[in-house]
Amino acid sequence: MSSIELKTKVYKELESAEDYLLEEILGLIAVESKSDEVIKIPEHFKEALDKSIAQMESGNTLSNVEVEKSIEGWLYK
């Protein structure tokens, strides 16, 4: 499909799109238009990520089943 055909099809769909879908499309366009930007991660996020990686490497993790059981315990106390 050519670029012109794709644009025509998109325009046609946009005319009848609900607001929530238009907002999602605008969000996607915003993300894609900034795809070449360098994202700076705040230092406290880096520290938390490093801590998480260290926990994983040391085997200090829980399986999904264990987490679900723990949550059930909290919910039904």
Protein backbone atom coordinates (compact mmCIF):
# COMPACT_ATOMS: atom_id res chain seq x y z
CA MET A 1 0.00 0.00 0.00
CA SER A 2 1.39 3.40 -0.95
CA SER A 3 1.91 6.27 1.46
CA ILE A 4 -1.01 8.18 -0.07
CA GLU A 5 -3.31 5.16 0.30
CA LEU A 6 -2.26 4.68 3.92
CA LYS A 7 -2.85 8.34 4.76
CA THR A 8 -6.26 8.29 3.08
CA LYS A 9 -7.25 5.21 5.05
CA VAL A 10 -6.03 6.77 8.32
CA TYR A 11 -7.88 10.04 7.66
CA LYS A 12 -11.08 8.12 6.96
CA GLU A 13 -10.77 6.16 10.23
CA LEU A 14 -9.96 9.33 12.21
CA GLU A 15 -13.18 11.00 11.12
CA SER A 16 -15.27 8.46 13.04
CA ALA A 17 -12.85 7.69 15.88
CA GLU A 18 -13.88 8.11 19.51
CA ASP A 19 -12.07 10.68 21.67
CA TYR A 20 -10.19 8.03 23.68
CA LEU A 21 -8.74 6.56 20.49
CA LEU A 22 -7.72 9.98 19.19
CA GLU A 23 -5.94 10.66 22.49
CA GLU A 24 -4.13 7.32 22.23
CA ILE A 25 -3.07 8.11 18.67
CA LEU A 26 -1.78 11.54 19.69
CA GLY A 27 0.18 9.92 22.52
CA LEU A 28 1.72 7.43 20.11
CA ILE A 29 2.68 10.19 17.70
CA ALA A 30 4.25 12.18 20.54
CA VAL A 31 6.30 9.17 21.68
CA GLU A 32 7.42 8.32 18.15
CA SER A 33 8.37 11.90 17.33
CA LYS A 34 10.68 11.95 20.36
CA SER A 35 12.22 8.53 19.70
CA ASP A 36 15.64 10.02 18.99
CA GLU A 37 15.76 11.94 22.27
CA VAL A 38 18.02 10.72 25.04
CA ILE A 39 16.03 9.98 28.17
CA LYS A 40 17.73 11.00 31.39
CA ILE A 41 16.92 8.67 34.27
CA PRO A 42 16.84 10.37 37.68
CA GLU A 43 19.55 9.24 40.08
CA HIS A 44 17.12 7.75 42.60
CA PHE A 45 15.67 5.53 39.84
CA LYS A 46 19.18 4.38 38.91
CA GLU A 47 19.88 3.53 42.55
CA ALA A 48 16.64 1.56 42.86
CA LEU A 49 17.40 -0.28 39.62
CA ASP A 50 20.92 -1.14 40.79
CA LYS A 51 19.49 -2.45 44.06
CA SER A 52 16.96 -4.58 42.17
CA ILE A 53 19.62 -6.02 39.89
CA ALA A 54 21.79 -6.89 42.89
CA GLN A 55 18.83 -8.64 44.54
CA MET A 56 18.19 -10.68 41.39
CA GLU A 57 21.84 -11.63 41.03
CA SER A 58 21.98 -12.79 44.66
CA GLY A 59 18.85 -14.91 44.19
CA ASN A 60 16.79 -12.73 46.50
CA THR A 61 13.60 -13.04 44.45
CA LEU A 62 10.08 -14.46 44.68
CA SER A 63 8.20 -16.40 42.07
CA ASN A 64 4.93 -15.06 40.75
CA VAL A 65 3.08 -17.86 42.59
CA GLU A 66 4.70 -16.82 45.89
CA VAL A 67 3.76 -13.19 45.34
CA GLU A 68 0.16 -14.10 44.51
CA LYS A 69 -0.11 -16.23 47.68
CA SER A 70 1.28 -13.37 49.73
CA ILE A 71 -1.22 -10.93 48.23
CA GLU A 72 -4.08 -13.32 48.91
CA GLY A 73 -2.94 -13.44 52.51
CA TRP A 74 -3.11 -9.67 52.78
CA LEU A 75 -6.49 -9.44 51.10
CA TYR A 76 -8.23 -12.08 53.15
CA LYS A 77 -6.83 -11.37 56.64
